[in-house]
Amino acid sequence: MSEFWIYFEKGLRHILNPYAYDHILFLIALSVPYAFKDWARLLLLVTIFTIGHSLALLLSVFGVIIIKGNLVDFLIPITILIVSVFHLFTAGKSSKKESIGVVFFVTLFFGIVHGLGFATYFKSMFGTSSQSKLLPLSEFALGIEAAQIVVVFVVLILAYIVQTFFRFSKRDWILVMSSFIIGVVLPMIIESKIWIR
């Protein structure tokens, strides 16, 4: 049981680390257009993201996927930018339920990209020999899922407060938050090491 808590806590810390805020930014970008009434769909999106993240870690740990760190570090803010720009242009439109399959597929793919960003550190936790990687990975994934639910819950509470007490419309909330995230992410893309040759 103590080993479970070790990996579960590592999963929590991976998301709730203020120095690795890219993951939190993605979760905020993903959650912005939703309210408490959409909890089931949002939980499903978060779980799909966790599955993609865990799949990338699994494939990386077993050496199936090997990708340069600079490329992943560039792709992570790109995923956040894409989600934020999408919400910026669809704010106030009621076509959210039309493309559920596309949204889920894109969320899974973005989860894979974010998982690859953590793969090197995750591999170092095992050392060179590890008999069972699946159990620690599952425990780690549960920690990630729990932390993501916390972040999403906080975003939903903030959305409720802003829209109820400060009389922001849902559209204005989406526009302001998406614009803020884009403003944070653009410097990450511009300063990426991928541009250095």
N, C-alpha and C. Protein backbone atom coordinates (compact mmCIF):
# COMPACT_ATOMS: atom_id res chain seq x y z
N MET A 1 0.82 -1.20 0.00
CA MET A 1 0.00 0.00 0.00
C MET A 1 0.86 1.26 0.00
N SER A 2 2.04 1.17 0.68
CA SER A 2 2.92 2.35 0.74
C SER A 2 3.44 2.69 -0.65
N GLU A 3 3.71 1.66 -1.49
CA GLU A 3 4.16 1.91 -2.85
C GLU A 3 3.07 2.58 -3.68
N PHE A 4 1.82 2.17 -3.43
CA PHE A 4 0.70 2.81 -4.13
C PHE A 4 0.72 4.31 -3.88
N TRP A 5 0.87 4.69 -2.61
CA TRP A 5 0.84 6.12 -2.27
C TRP A 5 2.03 6.87 -2.84
N ILE A 6 3.17 6.19 -2.97
CA ILE A 6 4.36 6.83 -3.55
C ILE A 6 4.06 7.26 -4.98
N TYR A 7 3.56 6.32 -5.80
CA TYR A 7 3.29 6.65 -7.21
C TYR A 7 2.05 7.51 -7.37
N PHE A 8 1.05 7.30 -6.52
CA PHE A 8 -0.16 8.12 -6.55
C PHE A 8 0.21 9.58 -6.26
N GLU A 9 1.06 9.77 -5.25
CA GLU A 9 1.49 11.13 -4.89
C GLU A 9 2.32 11.76 -6.01
N LYS A 10 3.16 10.94 -6.66
CA LYS A 10 3.94 11.46 -7.79
C LYS A 10 3.02 11.93 -8.91
N GLY A 11 1.93 11.19 -9.15
CA GLY A 11 0.93 11.60 -10.14
C GLY A 11 0.27 12.91 -9.75
N LEU A 12 -0.09 13.04 -8.47
CA LEU A 12 -0.66 14.30 -7.97
C LEU A 12 0.29 15.47 -8.18
N ARG A 13 1.54 15.24 -7.77
CA ARG A 13 2.54 16.32 -7.85
C ARG A 13 2.87 16.69 -9.30
N HIS A 14 2.78 15.71 -10.19
CA HIS A 14 3.05 15.97 -11.61
C HIS A 14 2.09 17.03 -12.16
N ILE A 15 0.82 16.96 -11.74
CA ILE A 15 -0.18 17.92 -12.21
C ILE A 15 -0.16 19.19 -11.37
N LEU A 16 -0.10 19.05 -10.07
CA LEU A 16 -0.24 20.20 -9.16
C LEU A 16 1.09 20.87 -8.86
N ASN A 17 2.04 20.75 -9.76
CA ASN A 17 3.35 21.37 -9.61
C ASN A 17 3.31 22.77 -10.23
N PRO A 18 3.48 23.83 -9.42
CA PRO A 18 3.39 25.20 -9.98
C PRO A 18 4.47 25.49 -11.01
N TYR A 19 5.57 24.74 -11.00
CA TYR A 19 6.65 24.97 -11.96
C TYR A 19 6.38 24.29 -13.31
N ALA A 20 5.46 23.32 -13.30
CA ALA A 20 5.09 22.64 -14.54
C ALA A 20 3.64 23.01 -14.85
N TYR A 21 3.40 24.29 -15.04
CA TYR A 21 2.03 24.79 -15.14
C TYR A 21 1.40 24.54 -16.51
N ASP A 22 2.16 23.99 -17.45
CA ASP A 22 1.60 23.74 -18.78
C ASP A 22 0.42 22.76 -18.72
N HIS A 23 0.52 21.78 -17.85
CA HIS A 23 -0.55 20.79 -17.71
C HIS A 23 -1.81 21.46 -17.14
N ILE A 24 -1.61 22.30 -16.15
CA ILE A 24 -2.74 23.02 -15.55
C ILE A 24 -3.38 23.94 -16.58
N LEU A 25 -2.55 24.62 -17.38
CA LEU A 25 -3.07 25.50 -18.43
C LEU A 25 -3.94 24.72 -19.41
N PHE A 26 -3.48 23.52 -19.78
CA PHE A 26 -4.27 22.70 -20.71
C PHE A 26 -5.61 22.34 -20.09
N LEU A 27 -5.61 21.95 -18.82
CA LEU A 27 -6.85 21.58 -18.14
C LEU A 27 -7.81 22.76 -18.04
N ILE A 28 -7.26 23.96 -17.78
CA ILE A 28 -8.09 25.15 -17.73
C ILE A 28 -8.69 25.41 -19.11
N ALA A 29 -7.84 25.33 -20.14
CA ALA A 29 -8.32 25.55 -21.51
C ALA A 29 -9.41 24.54 -21.88
N LEU A 30 -9.24 23.30 -21.46
CA LEU A 30 -10.22 22.25 -21.75
C LEU A 30 -11.54 22.49 -21.02
N SER A 31 -11.47 23.01 -19.79
CA SER A 31 -12.65 23.14 -18.92
C SER A 31 -13.45 24.41 -19.13
N VAL A 32 -12.83 25.44 -19.69
CA VAL A 32 -13.43 26.78 -19.76
C VAL A 32 -14.87 26.81 -20.29
N PRO A 33 -15.21 26.09 -21.35
CA PRO A 33 -16.59 26.23 -21.87
C PRO A 33 -17.65 25.44 -21.12
N TYR A 34 -17.26 24.71 -20.07
CA TYR A 34 -18.20 23.83 -19.38
C TYR A 34 -18.66 24.39 -18.05
N ALA A 35 -19.81 23.86 -17.58
CA ALA A 35 -20.36 24.22 -16.27
C ALA A 35 -20.60 22.93 -15.49
N PHE A 36 -21.07 23.07 -14.24
CA PHE A 36 -21.29 21.89 -13.41
C PHE A 36 -22.27 20.90 -14.05
N LYS A 37 -23.23 21.40 -14.80
CA LYS A 37 -24.21 20.50 -15.44
C LYS A 37 -23.56 19.60 -16.50
N ASP A 38 -22.36 19.99 -16.96
CA ASP A 38 -21.64 19.20 -17.97
C ASP A 38 -20.60 18.27 -17.34
N TRP A 39 -20.74 18.00 -16.04
CA TRP A 39 -19.69 17.28 -15.31
C TRP A 39 -19.37 15.91 -15.92
N ALA A 40 -20.39 15.21 -16.41
CA ALA A 40 -20.15 13.85 -16.95
C ALA A 40 -19.27 13.91 -18.19
N ARG A 41 -19.57 14.84 -19.09
CA ARG A 41 -18.78 14.96 -20.32
C ARG A 41 -17.37 15.42 -20.00
N LEU A 42 -17.24 16.37 -19.06
CA LEU A 42 -15.93 16.89 -18.70
C LEU A 42 -15.08 15.82 -18.01
N LEU A 43 -15.71 15.03 -17.15
CA LEU A 43 -15.00 13.92 -16.49
C LEU A 43 -14.51 12.92 -17.52
N LEU A 44 -15.34 12.64 -18.53
CA LEU A 44 -14.94 11.72 -19.60
C LEU A 44 -13.75 12.28 -20.38
N LEU A 45 -13.78 13.58 -20.68
CA LEU A 45 -12.66 14.22 -21.38
C LEU A 45 -11.37 14.11 -20.57
N VAL A 46 -11.47 14.39 -19.27
CA VAL A 46 -10.30 14.32 -18.38
C VAL A 46 -9.76 12.90 -18.34
N THR A 47 -10.65 11.92 -18.26
CA THR A 47 -10.23 10.52 -18.22
C THR A 47 -9.56 10.10 -19.52
N ILE A 48 -10.12 10.55 -20.65
CA ILE A 48 -9.51 10.25 -21.96
C ILE A 48 -8.12 10.88 -22.04
N PHE A 49 -7.98 12.09 -21.51
CA PHE A 49 -6.67 12.74 -21.48
C PHE A 49 -5.69 11.91 -20.64
N THR A 50 -6.14 11.42 -19.49
CA THR A 50 -5.30 10.57 -18.62
C THR A 50 -4.91 9.29 -19.34
N ILE A 51 -5.83 8.70 -20.07
CA ILE A 51 -5.54 7.47 -20.83
C ILE A 51 -4.46 7.74 -21.87
N GLY A 52 -4.60 8.85 -22.60
CA GLY A 52 -3.58 9.23 -23.58
C GLY A 52 -2.23 9.46 -22.94
N HIS A 53 -2.24 10.16 -21.81
CA HIS A 53 -1.02 10.46 -21.05
C HIS A 53 -0.34 9.16 -20.61
N SER A 54 -1.13 8.23 -20.07
CA SER A 54 -0.60 6.95 -19.57
C SER A 54 -0.11 6.07 -20.72
N LEU A 55 -0.84 6.10 -21.83
CA LEU A 55 -0.44 5.33 -23.01
C LEU A 55 0.93 5.79 -23.51
N ALA A 56 1.14 7.10 -23.54
CA ALA A 56 2.43 7.64 -23.98
C ALA A 56 3.55 7.21 -23.04
N LEU A 57 3.28 7.25 -21.72
CA LEU A 57 4.29 6.82 -20.75
C LEU A 57 4.62 5.34 -20.94
N LEU A 58 3.59 4.53 -21.13
CA LEU A 58 3.77 3.09 -21.31
C LEU A 58 4.60 2.80 -22.56
N LEU A 59 4.24 3.41 -23.67
CA LEU A 59 4.97 3.19 -24.93
C LEU A 59 6.40 3.69 -24.84
N SER A 60 6.59 4.79 -24.11
CA SER A 60 7.93 5.35 -23.96
C SER A 60 8.80 4.48 -23.05
N VAL A 61 8.23 4.02 -21.94
CA VAL A 61 8.97 3.18 -20.99
C VAL A 61 9.42 1.88 -21.65
N PHE A 62 8.58 1.31 -22.52
CA PHE A 62 8.94 0.07 -23.20
C PHE A 62 9.72 0.31 -24.49
N GLY A 63 10.05 1.56 -24.77
CA GLY A 63 10.88 1.90 -25.91
C GLY A 63 10.18 1.85 -27.26
N VAL A 64 8.84 1.83 -27.26
CA VAL A 64 8.10 1.81 -28.52
C VAL A 64 8.14 3.18 -29.19
N ILE A 65 8.03 4.24 -28.38
CA ILE A 65 8.10 5.61 -28.90
C ILE A 65 9.32 6.30 -28.32
N ILE A 66 10.12 6.85 -29.19
CA ILE A 66 11.26 7.67 -28.76
C ILE A 66 11.16 8.98 -29.54
N ILE A 67 11.07 10.08 -28.80
CA ILE A 67 10.89 11.37 -29.45
C ILE A 67 11.77 12.41 -28.74
N LYS A 68 12.28 13.35 -29.50
CA LYS A 68 13.17 14.36 -28.93
C LYS A 68 12.42 15.26 -27.96
N GLY A 69 13.08 15.56 -26.84
CA GLY A 69 12.49 16.40 -25.81
C GLY A 69 12.11 17.78 -26.30
N ASN A 70 12.96 18.38 -27.15
CA ASN A 70 12.69 19.72 -27.67
C ASN A 70 11.40 19.76 -28.48
N LEU A 71 11.14 18.70 -29.24
CA LEU A 71 9.93 18.64 -30.05
C LEU A 71 8.70 18.55 -29.16
N VAL A 72 8.76 17.71 -28.12
CA VAL A 72 7.63 17.57 -27.20
C VAL A 72 7.39 18.87 -26.45
N ASP A 73 8.48 19.50 -25.99
CA ASP A 73 8.36 20.78 -25.27
C ASP A 73 7.74 21.86 -26.14
N PHE A 74 7.89 21.73 -27.44
CA PHE A 74 7.27 22.67 -28.38
C PHE A 74 5.80 22.31 -28.62
N LEU A 75 5.51 20.99 -28.74
CA LEU A 75 4.15 20.54 -29.04
C LEU A 75 3.18 20.76 -27.89
N ILE A 76 3.65 20.69 -26.65
CA ILE A 76 2.75 20.85 -25.50
C ILE A 76 2.07 22.22 -25.51
N PRO A 77 2.82 23.34 -25.60
CA PRO A 77 2.11 24.63 -25.67
C PRO A 77 1.28 24.78 -26.95
N ILE A 78 1.67 24.09 -28.03
CA ILE A 78 0.86 24.14 -29.25
C ILE A 78 -0.52 23.52 -28.99
N THR A 79 -0.57 22.41 -28.24
CA THR A 79 -1.87 21.79 -27.92
C THR A 79 -2.74 22.73 -27.11
N ILE A 80 -2.12 23.44 -26.16
CA ILE A 80 -2.87 24.39 -25.33
C ILE A 80 -3.38 25.54 -26.20
N LEU A 81 -2.54 26.01 -27.10
CA LEU A 81 -2.92 27.10 -28.01
C LEU A 81 -4.09 26.69 -28.90
N ILE A 82 -4.04 25.49 -29.44
CA ILE A 82 -5.11 25.01 -30.33
C ILE A 82 -6.45 24.97 -29.60
N VAL A 83 -6.46 24.40 -28.38
CA VAL A 83 -7.70 24.32 -27.61
C VAL A 83 -8.23 25.72 -27.29
N SER A 84 -7.35 26.63 -26.88
CA SER A 84 -7.77 27.99 -26.52
C SER A 84 -8.29 28.76 -27.73
N VAL A 85 -7.62 28.64 -28.86
CA VAL A 85 -8.06 29.33 -30.08
C VAL A 85 -9.41 28.76 -30.54
N PHE A 86 -9.57 27.44 -30.43
CA PHE A 86 -10.84 26.82 -30.78
C PHE A 86 -11.97 27.40 -29.94
N HIS A 87 -11.75 27.49 -28.61
CA HIS A 87 -12.79 28.04 -27.73
C HIS A 87 -13.02 29.52 -27.97
N LEU A 88 -11.97 30.22 -28.36
CA LEU A 88 -12.08 31.65 -28.66
C LEU A 88 -13.04 31.88 -29.82
N PHE A 89 -12.94 31.03 -30.84
CA PHE A 89 -13.77 31.20 -32.04
C PHE A 89 -15.14 30.52 -31.94
N THR A 90 -15.32 29.63 -30.95
CA THR A 90 -16.62 28.97 -30.81
C THR A 90 -17.38 29.45 -29.57
N ALA A 91 -16.85 30.45 -28.87
CA ALA A 91 -17.51 30.97 -27.66
C ALA A 91 -18.90 31.47 -28.01
N GLY A 92 -19.88 31.03 -27.25
CA GLY A 92 -21.25 31.48 -27.47
C GLY A 92 -22.00 30.69 -28.52
N LYS A 93 -21.33 29.80 -29.22
CA LYS A 93 -22.02 28.98 -30.24
C LYS A 93 -22.49 27.68 -29.59
N SER A 94 -23.59 27.18 -30.06
CA SER A 94 -24.20 26.00 -29.43
C SER A 94 -23.91 24.71 -30.18
N SER A 95 -22.75 24.61 -30.79
CA SER A 95 -22.40 23.40 -31.55
C SER A 95 -21.47 22.48 -30.76
N LYS A 96 -21.51 22.58 -29.43
CA LYS A 96 -20.60 21.80 -28.58
C LYS A 96 -20.86 20.30 -28.66
N LYS A 97 -22.12 19.90 -28.88
CA LYS A 97 -22.44 18.47 -28.82
C LYS A 97 -22.34 17.79 -30.18
N GLU A 98 -22.08 18.54 -31.22
CA GLU A 98 -22.07 17.97 -32.56
C GLU A 98 -20.82 17.13 -32.83
N SER A 99 -19.68 17.57 -32.36
CA SER A 99 -18.42 16.90 -32.71
C SER A 99 -17.77 16.23 -31.51
N ILE A 100 -18.57 15.45 -30.77
CA ILE A 100 -18.06 14.79 -29.55
C ILE A 100 -16.91 13.86 -29.89
N GLY A 101 -17.04 13.04 -30.95
CA GLY A 101 -15.99 12.09 -31.32
C GLY A 101 -14.69 12.79 -31.65
N VAL A 102 -14.76 13.90 -32.37
CA VAL A 102 -13.56 14.66 -32.73
C VAL A 102 -12.89 15.22 -31.48
N VAL A 103 -13.70 15.80 -30.58
CA VAL A 103 -13.16 16.37 -29.34
C VAL A 103 -12.46 15.29 -28.52
N PHE A 104 -13.07 14.11 -28.40
CA PHE A 104 -12.48 13.03 -27.63
C PHE A 104 -11.17 12.54 -28.27
N PHE A 105 -11.17 12.41 -29.59
CA PHE A 105 -9.96 11.96 -30.29
C PHE A 105 -8.83 12.97 -30.10
N VAL A 106 -9.15 14.24 -30.25
CA VAL A 106 -8.14 15.30 -30.09
C VAL A 106 -7.62 15.32 -28.66
N THR A 107 -8.51 15.15 -27.68
CA THR A 107 -8.10 15.11 -26.26
C THR A 107 -7.18 13.93 -26.00
N LEU A 108 -7.48 12.78 -26.58
CA LEU A 108 -6.62 11.60 -26.44
C LEU A 108 -5.24 11.88 -27.03
N PHE A 109 -5.20 12.46 -28.22
CA PHE A 109 -3.93 12.78 -28.88
C PHE A 109 -3.12 13.78 -28.05
N PHE A 110 -3.79 14.80 -27.51
CA PHE A 110 -3.10 15.79 -26.70
C PHE A 110 -2.59 15.17 -25.40
N GLY A 111 -3.33 14.19 -24.87
CA GLY A 111 -2.87 13.47 -23.69
C GLY A 111 -1.58 12.71 -23.98
N ILE A 112 -1.50 12.12 -25.18
CA ILE A 112 -0.29 11.41 -25.60
C ILE A 112 0.89 12.37 -25.67
N VAL A 113 0.66 13.55 -26.26
CA VAL A 113 1.73 14.55 -26.37
C VAL A 113 2.22 14.97 -24.99
N HIS A 114 1.29 15.25 -24.08
CA HIS A 114 1.67 15.67 -22.72
C HIS A 114 2.38 14.54 -21.97
N GLY A 115 1.95 13.30 -22.20
CA GLY A 115 2.60 12.15 -21.57
C GLY A 115 4.04 11.99 -22.02
N LEU A 116 4.28 12.23 -23.31
CA LEU A 116 5.65 12.13 -23.84
C LEU A 116 6.57 13.16 -23.18
N GLY A 117 5.99 14.29 -22.78
CA GLY A 117 6.79 15.33 -22.12
C GLY A 117 7.30 14.89 -20.76
N PHE A 118 6.63 13.91 -20.13
CA PHE A 118 7.02 13.44 -18.81
C PHE A 118 7.74 12.09 -18.86
N ALA A 119 7.85 11.52 -20.05
CA ALA A 119 8.34 10.15 -20.20
C ALA A 119 9.76 9.95 -19.68
N THR A 120 10.65 10.93 -19.94
CA THR A 120 12.05 10.77 -19.52
C THR A 120 12.16 10.66 -18.01
N TYR A 121 11.45 11.54 -17.30
CA TYR A 121 11.48 11.49 -15.83
C TYR A 121 10.85 10.20 -15.33
N PHE A 122 9.75 9.80 -15.95
CA PHE A 122 9.06 8.59 -15.52
C PHE A 122 9.96 7.37 -15.68
N LYS A 123 10.69 7.31 -16.80
CA LYS A 123 11.63 6.19 -17.02
C LYS A 123 12.73 6.18 -15.96
N SER A 124 13.18 7.37 -15.54
CA SER A 124 14.25 7.45 -14.54
C SER A 124 13.79 6.95 -13.17
N MET A 125 12.49 6.95 -12.92
CA MET A 125 11.98 6.45 -11.64
C MET A 125 12.16 4.94 -11.52
N PHE A 126 12.22 4.25 -12.67
CA PHE A 126 12.36 2.80 -12.66
C PHE A 126 13.80 2.33 -12.67
N GLY A 127 14.71 3.17 -13.10
CA GLY A 127 16.09 2.73 -13.30
C GLY A 127 16.17 1.90 -14.57
N THR A 128 17.18 1.07 -14.65
CA THR A 128 17.37 0.27 -15.87
C THR A 128 16.54 -1.01 -15.88
N SER A 129 16.28 -1.56 -14.70
CA SER A 129 15.51 -2.81 -14.68
C SER A 129 14.25 -2.63 -13.86
N SER A 130 13.14 -2.97 -14.45
CA SER A 130 11.87 -2.96 -13.71
C SER A 130 11.02 -4.10 -14.21
N GLN A 131 10.62 -4.97 -13.25
CA GLN A 131 9.85 -6.14 -13.64
C GLN A 131 8.42 -5.73 -13.99
N SER A 132 7.79 -4.97 -13.11
CA SER A 132 6.39 -4.59 -13.34
C SER A 132 6.27 -3.09 -13.48
N LYS A 133 6.02 -2.65 -14.69
CA LYS A 133 5.84 -1.23 -14.93
C LYS A 133 4.37 -0.86 -14.95
N LEU A 134 3.51 -1.84 -15.17
CA LEU A 134 2.09 -1.56 -15.31
C LEU A 134 1.45 -1.11 -14.00
N LEU A 135 1.80 -1.76 -12.89
CA LEU A 135 1.19 -1.40 -11.61
C LEU A 135 1.57 0.02 -11.18
N PRO A 136 2.89 0.36 -11.17
CA PRO A 136 3.24 1.74 -10.81
C PRO A 136 2.64 2.76 -11.77
N LEU A 137 2.55 2.41 -13.06
CA LEU A 137 1.97 3.32 -14.04
C LEU A 137 0.49 3.55 -13.74
N SER A 138 -0.23 2.49 -13.35
CA SER A 138 -1.65 2.61 -12.99
C SER A 138 -1.82 3.49 -11.76
N GLU A 139 -0.95 3.29 -10.77
CA GLU A 139 -1.01 4.10 -9.55
C GLU A 139 -0.71 5.57 -9.86
N PHE A 140 0.27 5.78 -10.71
CA PHE A 140 0.64 7.13 -11.15
C PHE A 140 -0.52 7.78 -11.90
N ALA A 141 -1.17 6.99 -12.78
CA ALA A 141 -2.30 7.49 -13.57
C ALA A 141 -3.48 7.87 -12.66
N LEU A 142 -3.71 7.11 -11.61
CA LEU A 142 -4.78 7.45 -10.66
C LEU A 142 -4.49 8.78 -9.97
N GLY A 143 -3.21 9.01 -9.64
CA GLY A 143 -2.82 10.29 -9.05
C GLY A 143 -3.04 11.44 -10.01
N ILE A 144 -2.71 11.21 -11.28
CA ILE A 144 -2.93 12.22 -12.33
C ILE A 144 -4.42 12.52 -12.45
N GLU A 145 -5.22 11.46 -12.51
CA GLU A 145 -6.67 11.65 -12.67
C GLU A 145 -7.25 12.44 -11.50
N ALA A 146 -6.85 12.08 -10.27
CA ALA A 146 -7.36 12.78 -9.09
C ALA A 146 -6.97 14.27 -9.12
N ALA A 147 -5.71 14.55 -9.46
CA ALA A 147 -5.25 15.94 -9.52
C ALA A 147 -5.97 16.72 -10.61
N GLN A 148 -6.20 16.08 -11.75
CA GLN A 148 -6.90 16.76 -12.85
C GLN A 148 -8.33 17.09 -12.46
N ILE A 149 -8.98 16.18 -11.74
CA ILE A 149 -10.35 16.43 -11.28
C ILE A 149 -10.37 17.63 -10.32
N VAL A 150 -9.36 17.74 -9.46
CA VAL A 150 -9.25 18.88 -8.55
C VAL A 150 -9.15 20.18 -9.34
N VAL A 151 -8.26 20.21 -10.35
CA VAL A 151 -8.07 21.41 -11.17
C VAL A 151 -9.36 21.78 -11.88
N VAL A 152 -10.00 20.81 -12.49
CA VAL A 152 -11.25 21.05 -13.23
C VAL A 152 -12.33 21.56 -12.28
N PHE A 153 -12.41 20.98 -11.10
CA PHE A 153 -13.40 21.40 -10.10
C PHE A 153 -13.18 22.86 -9.71
N VAL A 154 -11.93 23.24 -9.51
CA VAL A 154 -11.60 24.64 -9.17
C VAL A 154 -12.01 25.58 -10.31
N VAL A 155 -11.75 25.17 -11.56
CA VAL A 155 -12.14 25.99 -12.72
C VAL A 155 -13.66 26.14 -12.77
N LEU A 156 -14.40 25.06 -12.52
CA LEU A 156 -15.86 25.13 -12.54
C LEU A 156 -16.39 26.03 -11.44
N ILE A 157 -15.76 25.99 -10.26
CA ILE A 157 -16.17 26.87 -9.17
C ILE A 157 -15.92 28.33 -9.54
N LEU A 158 -14.73 28.61 -10.10
CA LEU A 158 -14.41 29.98 -10.54
C LEU A 158 -15.40 30.46 -11.60
N ALA A 159 -15.72 29.60 -12.55
CA ALA A 159 -16.68 29.94 -13.61
C ALA A 159 -18.03 30.28 -13.00
N TYR A 160 -18.45 29.48 -12.03
CA TYR A 160 -19.74 29.72 -11.38
C TYR A 160 -19.74 31.06 -10.65
N ILE A 161 -18.68 31.33 -9.90
CA ILE A 161 -18.58 32.59 -9.14
C ILE A 161 -18.59 33.79 -10.08
N VAL A 162 -17.74 33.72 -11.11
CA VAL A 162 -17.62 34.85 -12.04
C VAL A 162 -18.94 35.09 -12.79
N GLN A 163 -19.60 34.00 -13.20
CA GLN A 163 -20.83 34.16 -13.98
C GLN A 163 -22.05 34.48 -13.11
N THR A 164 -22.03 34.03 -11.86
CA THR A 164 -23.19 34.26 -10.99
C THR A 164 -23.09 35.58 -10.22
N PHE A 165 -21.95 35.81 -9.56
CA PHE A 165 -21.83 36.98 -8.70
C PHE A 165 -21.30 38.22 -9.42
N PHE A 166 -20.46 38.02 -10.43
CA PHE A 166 -19.90 39.16 -11.16
C PHE A 166 -20.62 39.40 -12.50
N ARG A 167 -21.68 38.59 -12.74
CA ARG A 167 -22.55 38.78 -13.91
C ARG A 167 -21.83 38.70 -15.26
N PHE A 168 -20.75 37.95 -15.32
CA PHE A 168 -20.10 37.69 -16.61
C PHE A 168 -21.01 36.74 -17.39
N SER A 169 -21.14 36.96 -18.68
CA SER A 169 -21.84 35.96 -19.49
C SER A 169 -20.88 34.79 -19.71
N LYS A 170 -21.44 33.65 -20.07
CA LYS A 170 -20.60 32.48 -20.33
C LYS A 170 -19.64 32.78 -21.48
N ARG A 171 -20.14 33.48 -22.48
CA ARG A 171 -19.31 33.83 -23.64
C ARG A 171 -18.13 34.70 -23.23
N ASP A 172 -18.38 35.71 -22.38
CA ASP A 172 -17.30 36.59 -21.92
C ASP A 172 -16.27 35.83 -21.10
N TRP A 173 -16.74 34.91 -20.25
CA TRP A 173 -15.84 34.06 -19.45
C TRP A 173 -14.92 33.26 -20.36
N ILE A 174 -15.49 32.64 -21.38
CA ILE A 174 -14.69 31.83 -22.32
C ILE A 174 -13.69 32.72 -23.06
N LEU A 175 -14.15 33.88 -23.54
CA LEU A 175 -13.27 34.78 -24.29
C LEU A 175 -12.11 35.28 -23.43
N VAL A 176 -12.40 35.70 -22.20
CA VAL A 176 -11.36 36.23 -21.32
C VAL A 176 -10.35 35.15 -20.95
N MET A 177 -10.84 33.98 -20.54
CA MET A 177 -9.93 32.91 -20.12
C MET A 177 -9.11 32.37 -21.29
N SER A 178 -9.75 32.19 -22.44
CA SER A 178 -9.01 31.70 -23.62
C SER A 178 -7.95 32.69 -24.04
N SER A 179 -8.28 33.98 -24.03
CA SER A 179 -7.30 35.02 -24.39
C SER A 179 -6.14 35.04 -23.41
N PHE A 180 -6.46 34.90 -22.12
CA PHE A 180 -5.41 34.88 -21.09
C PHE A 180 -4.46 33.71 -21.32
N ILE A 181 -5.02 32.52 -21.57
CA ILE A 181 -4.19 31.33 -21.79
C ILE A 181 -3.33 31.49 -23.03
N ILE A 182 -3.91 32.04 -24.10
CA ILE A 182 -3.13 32.29 -25.32
C ILE A 182 -1.98 33.24 -25.03
N GLY A 183 -2.24 34.27 -24.22
CA GLY A 183 -1.19 35.22 -23.84
C GLY A 183 -0.06 34.58 -23.05
N VAL A 184 -0.38 33.57 -22.25
CA VAL A 184 0.64 32.87 -21.46
C VAL A 184 1.42 31.89 -22.34
N VAL A 185 0.72 31.24 -23.28
CA VAL A 185 1.31 30.16 -24.07
C VAL A 185 2.17 30.67 -25.23
N LEU A 186 1.81 31.77 -25.84
CA LEU A 186 2.58 32.27 -26.98
C LEU A 186 4.06 32.48 -26.67
N PRO A 187 4.42 33.11 -25.51
CA PRO A 187 5.85 33.23 -25.19
C PRO A 187 6.54 31.87 -25.04
N MET A 188 5.82 30.86 -24.54
CA MET A 188 6.39 29.52 -24.41
C MET A 188 6.75 28.96 -25.78
N ILE A 189 5.90 29.22 -26.76
CA ILE A 189 6.15 28.74 -28.13
C ILE A 189 7.30 29.51 -28.76
N ILE A 190 7.28 30.84 -28.59
CA ILE A 190 8.31 31.70 -29.18
C ILE A 190 9.69 31.39 -28.60
N GLU A 191 9.74 31.10 -27.28
CA GLU A 191 11.02 30.86 -26.60
C GLU A 191 11.44 29.39 -26.63
N SER A 192 10.71 28.56 -27.37
CA SER A 192 11.03 27.13 -27.43
C SER A 192 12.42 26.90 -28.03
N LYS A 193 13.09 25.88 -27.52
CA LYS A 193 14.43 25.53 -28.00
C LYS A 193 14.41 24.95 -29.41
N ILE A 194 13.21 24.62 -29.89
CA ILE A 194 13.13 24.04 -31.24
C ILE A 194 13.58 25.02 -32.32
N TRP A 195 13.51 26.32 -32.01
CA TRP A 195 13.90 27.35 -32.99
C TRP A 195 15.42 27.48 -33.07
N ILE A 196 16.13 26.96 -32.04
CA ILE A 196 17.60 27.10 -32.02
C ILE A 196 18.21 26.00 -32.89
N ARG A 197 19.05 26.40 -33.81
CA ARG A 197 19.70 25.40 -34.70
C ARG A 197 21.18 25.35 -34.46
